[in-house]
N, C-alpha and C. Protein backbone atom coordinates (compact mmCIF):
# COMPACT_ATOMS: atom_id res chain seq x y z
N UNK A 1 88.41 117.74 92.14
CA UNK A 1 89.09 116.99 91.64
C UNK A 1 90.44 117.25 91.42
N UNK A 2 90.18 118.49 90.57
CA UNK A 2 91.73 119.05 90.04
C UNK A 2 92.64 119.38 91.46
N UNK A 3 92.07 119.89 92.63
CA UNK A 3 93.28 120.02 93.38
C UNK A 3 94.22 118.87 94.28
N UNK A 4 93.09 117.87 93.96
CA UNK A 4 93.56 116.75 94.57
C UNK A 4 94.41 116.04 93.43
N UNK A 5 94.41 115.95 92.20
CA UNK A 5 95.06 115.54 91.00
C UNK A 5 96.40 116.48 90.98
N UNK A 6 96.52 117.54 91.23
CA UNK A 6 97.74 118.25 91.64
C UNK A 6 98.32 118.11 92.50
N UNK A 7 98.13 117.97 93.78
CA UNK A 7 98.53 117.51 94.89
C UNK A 7 99.12 116.46 94.80
N UNK A 8 98.34 115.47 94.57
CA UNK A 8 99.25 114.07 94.37
C UNK A 8 100.21 114.05 93.24
N UNK A 9 100.39 114.99 92.16
CA UNK A 9 101.30 115.13 91.33
C UNK A 9 102.68 115.76 92.07
N UNK A 10 102.38 116.85 93.00
CA UNK A 10 103.62 117.33 93.57
C UNK A 10 104.18 116.65 94.55
N UNK A 11 103.25 116.02 95.52
CA UNK A 11 103.50 115.41 96.56
C UNK A 11 104.35 114.05 96.03
N UNK A 12 103.87 113.34 95.09
CA UNK A 12 104.78 112.36 94.44
C UNK A 12 106.12 112.80 93.82
N UNK A 13 106.27 113.62 92.99
CA UNK A 13 107.21 114.12 92.48
C UNK A 13 108.70 114.29 93.60
N UNK A 14 107.79 114.96 94.73
CA UNK A 14 109.13 115.23 95.86
C UNK A 14 109.20 114.22 96.48
N UNK A 15 108.33 113.15 96.37
CA UNK A 15 108.83 111.80 97.45
C UNK A 15 109.68 111.13 96.19
N UNK A 16 109.68 111.26 94.99
CA UNK A 16 110.42 110.49 94.27
C UNK A 16 111.91 110.85 93.87
N UNK A 17 111.97 112.47 94.01
CA UNK A 17 113.35 112.83 94.90
C UNK A 17 113.97 112.11 95.82
N UNK A 18 113.28 111.92 97.13
CA UNK A 18 113.82 111.61 98.25
C UNK A 18 114.04 109.86 98.18
N UNK A 19 113.50 109.55 97.57
CA UNK A 19 113.76 108.10 97.47
C UNK A 19 114.42 107.56 96.58
N UNK A 20 114.94 108.27 95.47
CA UNK A 20 115.89 108.12 94.42
C UNK A 20 117.16 107.68 94.61
N UNK A 21 117.93 108.41 95.91
CA UNK A 21 119.03 107.67 96.28
C UNK A 21 119.33 105.96 96.70
N UNK A 22 117.87 105.56 96.85
CA UNK A 22 117.87 104.07 96.77
C UNK A 22 117.89 103.32 95.66
N UNK A 23 118.95 102.36 95.56
CA UNK A 23 118.86 101.68 94.47
C UNK A 23 118.57 100.33 94.47
N UNK A 24 117.77 99.85 94.08
CA UNK A 24 117.55 98.51 93.94
C UNK A 24 117.54 97.54 92.96
N UNK A 25 117.64 96.21 92.94
CA UNK A 25 117.45 95.27 91.90
C UNK A 25 116.92 94.25 91.50
N UNK A 26 116.32 93.88 90.37
CA UNK A 26 115.55 92.81 90.31
C UNK A 26 116.11 92.00 89.37
N UNK A 27 116.84 90.92 90.12
CA UNK A 27 118.03 90.15 88.84
C UNK A 27 119.16 90.76 88.58
N UNK A 28 119.45 90.92 87.49
CA UNK A 28 120.39 91.66 87.20
C UNK A 28 120.00 93.11 87.01
N UNK A 29 118.89 93.70 87.13
CA UNK A 29 118.70 94.88 86.90
C UNK A 29 118.42 95.96 87.70
N UNK A 30 119.04 97.07 87.46
CA UNK A 30 118.99 98.20 88.78
C UNK A 30 118.24 99.50 88.19
N UNK A 31 117.58 99.77 89.33
CA UNK A 31 116.76 100.52 89.21
C UNK A 31 116.79 102.08 90.26
N UNK A 32 116.83 102.91 90.38
CA UNK A 32 116.42 103.70 91.56
C UNK A 32 114.78 103.46 92.09
N UNK A 33 114.60 103.41 93.25
CA UNK A 33 113.57 103.51 93.75
C UNK A 33 112.45 104.66 93.28
N UNK A 34 112.79 105.78 93.12
CA UNK A 34 112.04 106.51 92.38
C UNK A 34 111.14 105.94 91.22
N UNK A 35 111.47 105.15 90.45
CA UNK A 35 111.14 104.48 89.50
C UNK A 35 109.69 104.48 89.56
N UNK A 36 109.61 103.33 90.70
CA UNK A 36 108.10 103.36 91.23
C UNK A 36 107.24 104.23 91.19
N UNK A 37 107.46 105.61 91.37
CA UNK A 37 106.81 106.62 91.94
C UNK A 37 106.53 107.87 90.79
N UNK A 38 107.57 108.26 89.69
CA UNK A 38 107.57 109.34 89.54
C UNK A 38 106.89 108.72 87.89
N UNK A 39 106.84 107.94 87.42
CA UNK A 39 106.36 107.23 86.28
C UNK A 39 104.66 108.06 86.63
N UNK A 40 104.82 107.80 87.74
CA UNK A 40 102.71 108.27 87.80
C UNK A 40 102.84 109.68 87.68
N UNK A 41 103.50 110.50 87.65
CA UNK A 41 103.45 111.88 87.54
C UNK A 41 102.87 112.13 85.99
N UNK A 42 103.67 111.58 85.23
CA UNK A 42 103.40 111.43 83.72
C UNK A 42 101.63 111.07 83.48
N UNK A 43 101.31 110.18 83.94
CA UNK A 43 99.97 109.68 84.01
C UNK A 43 99.04 110.92 84.46
N UNK A 44 99.57 111.59 85.34
CA UNK A 44 99.00 112.59 86.16
C UNK A 44 98.39 113.98 85.42
N UNK A 45 99.83 114.10 85.04
CA UNK A 45 99.66 115.54 84.00
C UNK A 45 99.07 115.12 82.73
N UNK A 46 98.91 114.01 81.95
CA UNK A 46 98.03 113.45 80.78
C UNK A 46 96.23 113.83 81.38
N UNK A 47 96.14 113.46 82.38
CA UNK A 47 94.66 113.23 83.22
C UNK A 47 94.48 114.87 83.06
N UNK A 48 95.26 115.24 84.18
CA UNK A 48 94.97 117.22 83.86
C UNK A 48 94.68 117.78 83.02
N UNK A 49 95.62 117.36 81.54
CA UNK A 49 95.34 118.20 80.59
C UNK A 49 94.42 117.73 79.82
N UNK A 50 93.81 116.45 79.80
CA UNK A 50 93.04 115.96 79.00
C UNK A 50 91.66 116.54 79.50
N UNK A 51 91.71 116.83 81.07
CA UNK A 51 89.97 117.21 81.62
C UNK A 51 90.10 118.81 81.84
N UNK A 52 91.37 119.17 82.16
CA UNK A 52 91.16 120.47 82.26
C UNK A 52 92.29 121.70 81.70
N UNK A 53 92.42 120.89 80.45
CA UNK A 53 93.39 122.18 79.37
C UNK A 53 95.00 122.10 79.79
N UNK A 54 95.50 122.60 78.60
CA UNK A 54 96.92 122.82 78.38
C UNK A 54 97.49 123.43 79.48
N UNK A 55 96.91 124.80 79.52
CA UNK A 55 97.26 125.89 80.46
C UNK A 55 97.21 125.44 81.94
N UNK A 56 96.25 124.67 82.29
CA UNK A 56 96.24 124.05 83.86
C UNK A 56 97.28 122.96 83.76
N UNK A 57 97.60 121.91 82.91
CA UNK A 57 98.51 120.89 82.90
C UNK A 57 100.37 121.51 82.83
N UNK A 58 100.39 122.87 82.57
CA UNK A 58 101.76 123.61 82.11
C UNK A 58 101.97 124.30 83.77
N UNK A 59 100.50 125.04 84.61
CA UNK A 59 100.46 125.38 85.83
C UNK A 59 101.12 124.11 86.60
N UNK A 60 100.66 122.92 86.47
CA UNK A 60 100.75 121.91 87.56
C UNK A 60 102.25 121.56 87.43
N UNK A 61 102.79 121.66 86.30
CA UNK A 61 104.52 121.57 85.78
C UNK A 61 105.20 122.58 86.15
N UNK A 62 104.74 123.73 86.24
CA UNK A 62 105.39 124.88 86.76
C UNK A 62 105.48 124.68 88.45
N UNK A 63 104.10 124.21 88.82
CA UNK A 63 104.13 124.05 90.47
C UNK A 63 104.80 123.12 90.92
N UNK A 64 105.28 122.24 90.71
CA UNK A 64 105.94 121.31 90.52
C UNK A 64 107.68 121.32 90.99
N UNK A 65 107.95 122.24 89.56
CA UNK A 65 109.13 122.74 89.76
C UNK A 65 109.59 124.04 90.99
N UNK A 66 108.54 124.83 91.19
CA UNK A 66 108.78 125.45 92.42
C UNK A 66 109.02 124.80 93.57
N UNK A 67 107.88 123.97 93.69
CA UNK A 67 108.23 122.93 95.06
C UNK A 67 109.55 122.13 95.09
N UNK A 68 109.93 121.72 93.98
CA UNK A 68 111.06 121.36 93.93
C UNK A 68 112.30 121.90 94.53
N UNK A 69 112.46 123.27 94.33
CA UNK A 69 113.20 124.66 94.56
C UNK A 69 112.97 124.52 95.79
N UNK A 70 111.73 124.55 96.29
CA UNK A 70 111.62 124.96 97.77
C UNK A 70 111.99 123.75 98.78
N UNK A 71 112.00 122.36 98.24
CA UNK A 71 112.48 121.41 98.95
C UNK A 71 113.98 121.32 98.98
N UNK A 72 114.70 121.63 97.78
CA UNK A 72 115.90 121.84 97.65
C UNK A 72 116.70 122.44 98.33
N UNK A 73 116.12 123.96 98.72
CA UNK A 73 116.45 124.89 99.91
C UNK A 73 116.43 124.53 100.98
N UNK A 74 115.56 123.73 101.46
CA UNK A 74 115.44 123.53 102.72
C UNK A 74 116.02 121.77 103.33
N UNK A 75 116.43 121.33 102.40
CA UNK A 75 117.22 120.05 102.62
C UNK A 75 118.58 120.82 102.58
N UNK A 76 119.10 121.82 102.00
CA UNK A 76 120.51 121.68 102.07
C UNK A 76 120.10 122.93 103.41
N UNK A 77 119.36 123.71 103.84
CA UNK A 77 119.44 124.19 105.18
C UNK A 77 119.52 123.25 106.38
N UNK A 78 118.81 122.06 106.30
CA UNK A 78 118.75 121.12 107.38
C UNK A 78 120.04 120.11 107.37
N UNK A 79 120.68 120.21 106.24
CA UNK A 79 121.96 119.29 106.25
C UNK A 79 123.11 120.52 107.15
N UNK A 80 123.04 121.76 106.99
CA UNK A 80 124.02 122.84 107.62
C UNK A 80 123.58 122.79 109.33
N UNK A 81 122.52 122.57 109.45
CA UNK A 81 122.03 122.83 110.87
C UNK A 81 123.10 122.06 111.81
N UNK A 82 123.45 122.89 112.83
CA UNK A 82 124.16 122.03 113.77
C UNK A 82 123.33 121.02 114.64
N UNK A 83 123.73 119.55 114.44
CA UNK A 83 123.20 118.70 115.26
C UNK A 83 123.43 118.95 116.84
N UNK A 84 122.13 118.28 117.64
CA UNK A 84 122.14 118.28 118.86
C UNK A 84 123.08 117.49 119.58
N UNK A 85 123.77 117.34 120.35
CA UNK A 85 124.66 116.62 121.19
C UNK A 85 124.06 115.29 120.95
N UNK A 86 122.97 114.98 121.38
CA UNK A 86 122.65 113.34 121.36
C UNK A 86 122.11 113.21 120.25
N UNK A 87 122.08 113.84 119.28
CA UNK A 87 121.62 113.29 117.68
C UNK A 87 122.89 112.72 117.13
N UNK A 88 122.68 111.01 116.85
CA UNK A 88 124.08 110.47 116.68
C UNK A 88 123.84 109.85 115.01
N UNK A 89 122.86 110.53 114.55
CA UNK A 89 123.11 110.06 112.99
C UNK A 89 123.04 111.06 111.92
N UNK A 90 123.78 112.01 112.28
CA UNK A 90 124.17 112.99 111.41
C UNK A 90 124.82 112.69 110.50
N UNK A 91 125.73 111.77 110.26
CA UNK A 91 126.47 111.54 109.11
C UNK A 91 125.42 110.78 108.12
N UNK A 92 124.71 109.77 108.68
CA UNK A 92 123.68 109.18 107.66
C UNK A 92 122.59 110.12 107.15
N UNK A 93 122.60 111.15 108.02
CA UNK A 93 121.50 111.98 107.95
C UNK A 93 121.68 112.66 106.22
N UNK A 94 123.11 113.41 106.76
CA UNK A 94 123.69 114.12 105.53
C UNK A 94 123.92 113.36 104.22
N UNK A 95 124.22 112.13 104.33
CA UNK A 95 124.56 111.28 103.49
C UNK A 95 123.04 110.68 102.64
N UNK A 96 122.15 110.62 103.06
CA UNK A 96 121.05 110.40 102.52
C UNK A 96 120.19 111.67 102.20
N UNK A 97 120.01 112.59 102.65
CA UNK A 97 119.77 113.76 101.65
C UNK A 97 120.87 114.39 101.24
N UNK A 98 122.07 114.27 101.51
CA UNK A 98 122.79 115.00 100.87
C UNK A 98 122.89 114.36 99.24
N UNK A 99 122.84 113.09 99.17
CA UNK A 99 122.61 112.18 97.86
C UNK A 99 121.15 112.67 97.48
N UNK A 100 120.01 112.80 98.08
CA UNK A 100 118.96 113.59 97.65
C UNK A 100 119.22 114.69 96.94
N UNK A 101 120.02 115.83 97.39
CA UNK A 101 120.53 116.96 96.90
C UNK A 101 120.67 117.24 95.65
N UNK A 102 121.55 116.04 95.26
CA UNK A 102 122.01 115.79 93.73
C UNK A 102 121.10 115.44 93.11
N UNK A 103 120.00 114.51 93.94
CA UNK A 103 119.22 113.81 92.82
C UNK A 103 118.16 114.56 92.52
N UNK A 104 117.88 115.66 93.29
CA UNK A 104 116.91 116.89 93.07
C UNK A 104 117.53 117.72 91.88
N UNK A 105 118.94 118.36 91.99
CA UNK A 105 119.01 118.88 90.88
C UNK A 105 119.19 117.96 89.63
N UNK A 106 119.49 117.28 89.60
CA UNK A 106 119.16 116.04 88.32
C UNK A 106 117.76 115.85 87.89
N UNK A 107 116.72 115.69 89.03
CA UNK A 107 115.46 115.72 88.67
C UNK A 107 115.07 117.29 88.27
N UNK A 108 115.90 118.40 88.35
CA UNK A 108 115.37 119.63 87.95
C UNK A 108 115.44 119.85 86.55
N UNK A 109 116.52 119.49 86.11
CA UNK A 109 117.00 119.49 84.76
C UNK A 109 116.23 118.64 83.83
N UNK A 110 115.77 117.36 84.12
CA UNK A 110 115.36 116.51 83.37
C UNK A 110 114.00 116.61 83.62
N UNK A 111 113.57 117.03 84.51
CA UNK A 111 112.07 117.70 84.54
C UNK A 111 111.48 118.70 83.73
N UNK A 112 112.42 119.78 83.93
CA UNK A 112 112.15 120.95 82.81
C UNK A 112 111.82 120.21 81.61
N UNK A 113 112.89 119.48 80.76
CA UNK A 113 112.84 118.96 79.47
C UNK A 113 111.77 117.86 79.54
N UNK A 114 111.25 117.48 80.64
CA UNK A 114 110.84 115.98 80.06
C UNK A 114 109.22 116.37 80.10
N UNK A 115 108.88 117.02 81.28
CA UNK A 115 107.35 117.28 81.34
C UNK A 115 107.05 118.15 80.47
N UNK A 116 107.55 119.31 80.23
CA UNK A 116 107.06 120.06 78.88
C UNK A 116 106.84 119.56 77.94
N UNK A 117 107.95 118.96 77.52
CA UNK A 117 107.99 118.11 76.32
C UNK A 117 106.60 117.07 76.20
N UNK A 118 106.40 116.41 77.34
CA UNK A 118 105.18 115.68 77.63
C UNK A 118 103.63 116.40 77.10
N UNK A 119 103.82 117.55 77.91
CA UNK A 119 102.17 118.51 77.95
C UNK A 119 102.67 118.88 76.32
N UNK A 120 103.84 119.01 75.52
CA UNK A 120 103.40 119.78 74.41
C UNK A 120 102.78 118.80 73.35
N UNK A 121 103.61 117.28 73.34
CA UNK A 121 103.09 116.24 72.45
C UNK A 121 101.64 115.83 72.85
N UNK A 122 101.24 115.82 74.00
CA UNK A 122 99.77 115.53 74.22
C UNK A 122 99.02 116.51 73.73
N UNK A 123 99.20 117.27 73.94
CA UNK A 123 98.61 118.60 73.51
C UNK A 123 97.85 118.97 71.75
N UNK A 124 99.63 118.36 71.10
CA UNK A 124 99.68 118.71 69.58
C UNK A 124 98.49 117.52 69.33
N UNK A 125 98.62 116.04 69.87
CA UNK A 125 97.71 115.22 69.43
C UNK A 125 96.61 115.29 69.40
N UNK A 126 96.24 116.20 70.51
CA UNK A 126 94.76 116.62 71.19
C UNK A 126 94.11 117.36 69.98
N UNK A 127 95.03 118.33 69.79
CA UNK A 127 94.16 119.24 68.96
C UNK A 127 94.23 118.74 67.35
N UNK A 128 95.04 117.38 67.12
CA UNK A 128 94.84 116.86 65.77
C UNK A 128 93.59 116.13 65.90
N UNK A 129 93.43 115.17 67.06
CA UNK A 129 92.39 114.16 67.06
C UNK A 129 91.20 114.32 67.78
N UNK A 130 91.18 115.63 68.64
CA UNK A 130 90.52 116.19 69.31
C UNK A 130 90.14 115.06 70.91
N UNK A 131 88.75 114.69 70.98
CA UNK A 131 88.49 113.97 72.28
C UNK A 131 88.76 112.47 72.26
N UNK A 132 89.17 111.86 70.88
CA UNK A 132 89.39 110.52 70.44
C UNK A 132 90.75 110.45 70.30
N UNK A 133 91.21 108.95 70.64
CA UNK A 133 92.60 108.37 70.80
C UNK A 133 93.14 108.91 71.58
N UNK A 134 92.84 109.25 72.87
CA UNK A 134 93.49 109.42 74.31
C UNK A 134 94.72 108.42 74.51
N UNK A 135 94.35 106.93 74.20
CA UNK A 135 95.36 106.54 74.25
C UNK A 135 96.59 106.62 73.74
N UNK A 136 96.26 106.84 72.09
CA UNK A 136 97.66 107.39 71.45
C UNK A 136 98.38 108.63 72.05
N UNK A 137 97.83 109.74 72.43
CA UNK A 137 98.45 111.00 73.22
C UNK A 137 99.24 110.61 74.43
N UNK A 138 98.61 110.08 75.13
CA UNK A 138 98.90 109.19 76.67
C UNK A 138 100.26 108.43 76.14
N UNK A 139 100.39 107.55 75.82
CA UNK A 139 101.30 106.52 75.63
C UNK A 139 102.66 107.37 74.69
N UNK A 140 102.13 107.94 73.76
CA UNK A 140 103.15 109.18 72.81
C UNK A 140 103.98 109.60 73.55
N UNK A 141 103.08 110.56 74.17
CA UNK A 141 103.82 111.72 75.25
C UNK A 141 104.80 111.21 76.18
N UNK A 142 104.08 110.35 76.90
CA UNK A 142 104.83 109.96 77.75
C UNK A 142 105.96 108.86 77.82
N UNK A 143 105.84 107.88 76.46
CA UNK A 143 107.18 107.12 76.28
C UNK A 143 108.13 108.12 75.57
N UNK A 144 107.73 109.05 74.97
CA UNK A 144 108.82 110.10 74.53
C UNK A 144 109.60 110.89 75.19
N UNK A 145 108.80 111.34 76.21
CA UNK A 145 109.44 112.19 77.40
C UNK A 145 109.99 111.51 78.55
N UNK A 146 109.59 110.47 78.67
CA UNK A 146 110.39 109.89 80.03
C UNK A 146 111.57 109.08 78.78
N UNK A 147 111.78 109.08 77.53
CA UNK A 147 112.99 108.65 77.21
C UNK A 147 114.26 109.74 77.37
N UNK A 148 113.69 111.03 77.41
CA UNK A 148 114.55 112.15 77.70
C UNK A 148 114.72 112.20 79.20
N UNK A 149 113.45 112.01 80.01
CA UNK A 149 113.81 112.12 81.21
C UNK A 149 114.98 111.49 81.79
N UNK A 150 114.65 109.96 81.42
CA UNK A 150 115.57 108.69 81.85
C UNK A 150 117.12 108.95 81.91
N UNK A 151 117.37 109.35 80.45
CA UNK A 151 118.67 109.81 79.93
C UNK A 151 119.30 110.57 80.80
N UNK A 152 118.59 112.28 81.04
CA UNK A 152 119.26 113.55 81.57
C UNK A 152 119.14 112.90 82.86
N UNK A 153 118.23 112.08 83.63
CA UNK A 153 118.00 111.97 85.32
C UNK A 153 119.04 111.46 85.74
N UNK A 154 119.30 110.14 85.38
CA UNK A 154 120.21 108.93 85.66
C UNK A 154 121.72 109.37 85.19
N UNK A 155 122.13 110.01 84.48
CA UNK A 155 123.29 110.76 84.09
C UNK A 155 123.67 111.65 84.94
N UNK A 156 123.00 112.60 85.02
CA UNK A 156 123.31 113.81 86.04
C UNK A 156 123.44 113.51 87.90
N UNK A 157 122.55 112.60 87.95
CA UNK A 157 122.26 111.79 89.05
C UNK A 157 122.95 110.78 89.60
N UNK A 158 123.65 110.36 88.86
CA UNK A 158 124.89 109.06 88.93
C UNK A 158 125.98 108.97 88.29
N UNK A 159 126.16 109.79 87.48
CA UNK A 159 127.57 109.71 87.11
C UNK A 159 128.82 109.88 87.76
N UNK A 160 129.67 109.15 87.87
CA UNK A 160 130.93 109.31 88.88
C UNK A 160 130.18 108.33 89.87
N UNK A 161 129.32 108.22 90.21
CA UNK A 161 128.81 106.88 91.47
C UNK A 161 128.79 105.92 91.18
N UNK A 162 128.28 105.01 90.15
CA UNK A 162 128.44 103.99 89.63
C UNK A 162 129.41 103.77 88.07
N UNK A 163 129.46 102.64 88.25
CA UNK A 163 130.42 102.40 86.81
C UNK A 163 129.85 102.69 85.54
N UNK A 164 130.33 103.01 84.55
CA UNK A 164 129.92 103.68 83.41
C UNK A 164 128.66 102.68 82.85
N UNK A 165 129.25 101.29 82.89
CA UNK A 165 128.34 100.17 82.05
C UNK A 165 126.89 99.88 82.97
N UNK A 166 127.20 100.18 84.20
CA UNK A 166 126.38 100.31 85.25
C UNK A 166 124.99 101.45 84.96
N UNK A 167 125.84 102.54 84.18
CA UNK A 167 124.85 103.51 84.37
C UNK A 167 124.05 103.55 83.09
N UNK A 168 124.86 103.09 81.96
CA UNK A 168 124.08 102.89 80.85
C UNK A 168 122.65 101.58 81.14
N UNK A 169 123.33 100.52 81.74
CA UNK A 169 122.29 99.57 82.24
C UNK A 169 121.08 100.15 82.63
N UNK A 170 121.34 101.09 83.95
CA UNK A 170 120.19 101.51 84.80
C UNK A 170 119.44 102.69 83.34
N UNK A 171 119.73 103.22 82.59
CA UNK A 171 119.21 103.96 81.63
C UNK A 171 118.16 103.20 80.78
N UNK A 172 118.59 102.05 80.23
CA UNK A 172 118.31 100.97 79.78
C UNK A 172 117.05 100.75 80.48
N UNK A 173 117.41 99.75 81.36
CA UNK A 173 116.50 99.19 82.29
C UNK A 173 115.31 99.96 82.95
N UNK A 174 115.38 101.16 83.24
CA UNK A 174 114.52 102.33 83.82
C UNK A 174 113.72 102.62 82.50
N UNK A 175 114.25 103.08 81.56
CA UNK A 175 112.93 103.22 80.55
C UNK A 175 112.15 102.30 80.08
N UNK A 176 112.39 100.76 80.03
CA UNK A 176 111.98 99.91 79.62
C UNK A 176 110.86 99.70 80.73
N UNK A 177 111.25 99.98 81.84
CA UNK A 177 110.43 99.35 82.95
C UNK A 177 109.22 100.81 83.33
N UNK A 178 109.77 102.09 82.48
CA UNK A 178 108.75 103.19 82.14
C UNK A 178 107.80 102.86 81.03
N UNK A 179 108.63 102.34 80.06
CA UNK A 179 107.64 102.12 78.90
C UNK A 179 106.68 100.90 79.11
N UNK A 180 106.70 99.81 79.69
CA UNK A 180 105.92 99.02 80.17
C UNK A 180 104.55 99.70 80.87
N UNK A 181 104.88 100.29 81.81
CA UNK A 181 104.07 101.12 82.82
C UNK A 181 103.38 102.03 82.10
N UNK A 182 103.91 102.50 81.30
CA UNK A 182 102.95 103.66 80.52
C UNK A 182 101.85 103.02 79.46
N UNK A 183 102.04 101.46 79.25
CA UNK A 183 101.38 100.44 78.55
C UNK A 183 100.12 100.27 79.37
N UNK A 184 100.76 99.42 80.54
CA UNK A 184 99.68 99.35 81.67
C UNK A 184 98.64 100.33 82.03
N UNK A 185 99.28 101.62 82.35
CA UNK A 185 98.64 102.44 82.94
C UNK A 185 97.42 103.23 82.28
N UNK A 186 97.37 102.83 80.80
CA UNK A 186 96.47 103.65 80.46
C UNK A 186 94.81 103.21 80.56
N UNK A 187 94.46 102.19 80.76
CA UNK A 187 93.20 101.82 81.32
C UNK A 187 93.17 102.91 83.05
N UNK A 188 94.08 102.95 83.28
CA UNK A 188 93.59 103.68 84.94
C UNK A 188 93.51 105.24 84.31
N UNK A 189 94.13 105.81 83.25
CA UNK A 189 93.90 107.10 82.19
C UNK A 189 92.60 107.02 81.94
N UNK A 190 92.20 106.52 81.51
CA UNK A 190 90.85 106.82 80.84
C UNK A 190 89.76 106.79 82.32
N UNK A 191 90.08 105.77 83.15
CA UNK A 191 89.35 105.84 84.80
C UNK A 191 89.20 107.35 85.26
N UNK A 192 90.42 107.63 85.25
CA UNK A 192 90.95 108.67 85.64
C UNK A 192 90.26 109.96 85.12
N UNK A 193 90.19 110.22 83.38
CA UNK A 193 89.70 111.22 82.81
C UNK A 193 88.05 110.97 83.29
N UNK A 194 87.30 109.68 82.66
CA UNK A 194 85.98 109.94 83.25
C UNK A 194 85.49 110.05 84.27
N UNK A 195 86.43 109.82 85.60
CA UNK A 195 85.95 110.23 86.89
C UNK A 195 85.84 111.82 87.19
N UNK A 196 87.22 112.24 86.69
CA UNK A 196 87.36 113.78 86.87
C UNK A 196 86.05 114.42 86.08
N UNK A 197 86.16 114.07 84.83
CA UNK A 197 84.99 114.81 84.04
C UNK A 197 83.37 114.85 84.51
N UNK A 198 83.47 113.91 85.38
CA UNK A 198 82.14 113.51 85.91
C UNK A 198 81.98 114.48 86.99
N UNK A 199 83.25 114.41 88.14
CA UNK A 199 83.13 115.66 89.04
C UNK A 199 82.86 117.07 88.32
N UNK A 200 83.76 117.64 87.32
CA UNK A 200 83.84 118.28 86.96
C UNK A 200 82.30 118.95 86.31
N UNK A 201 82.05 118.34 85.40
CA UNK A 201 80.21 118.33 85.27
C UNK A 201 79.63 118.88 86.49
N UNK A 202 79.37 118.22 87.37
CA UNK A 202 79.21 118.08 88.72
C UNK A 202 79.00 119.79 89.40
N UNK A 203 80.18 119.95 89.59
CA UNK A 203 80.36 120.92 90.21
C UNK A 203 79.99 122.09 89.30
N UNK A 204 80.08 122.15 87.96
CA UNK A 204 79.82 123.33 87.01
C UNK A 204 77.83 123.28 87.35
N UNK A 205 77.55 121.94 87.43
CA UNK A 205 75.99 122.13 87.53
C UNK A 205 75.67 122.58 88.80
N UNK A 206 76.23 122.49 89.97
CA UNK A 206 75.93 122.94 91.14
C UNK A 206 76.16 124.58 91.34
N UNK A 207 77.11 125.04 90.31
CA UNK A 207 76.79 126.65 90.20
C UNK A 207 75.57 127.15 89.46
């Protein structure tokens, strides 16, 4: 189960970087498409940390960082490759992935700050409360770290691209969205933790 959770974490992380260049609106509110995906990565690190421990959660965060660096490198290389004569989408390709390149840089900054903060807060609360109050450490760590993540990411990724008022609105809107999702996903965290512990116990018993 551990490898599946970690693989899902890394996959969603890279996906969120690529689709972040798309902005969508819900009424007057503007969000990057990554808001639908990236928020799940915090849920996954909380589950991984709860079941497999702080060191495994930190290793997962490091793996995500290294994967982003590799993706950033290959996106840059792919943009620089000379297009085939019959490939007519070179401009669009560069516009989309070029935007993704900047988004990934923003993601690296915000990722290092927020994910490590999330793991730190989660495990400080776990040391204090033991196995009880999972809902508290899940929500407290996620809500705090995502405030940092949202502010840093939106600023670095979109400053100069959208008006300042829109930028501030994006920060506020995305954080409110993440805040609500953090509250809603608590039952999912409990479900995944219970399932992962059951599988881990069976795997140990098998040995």
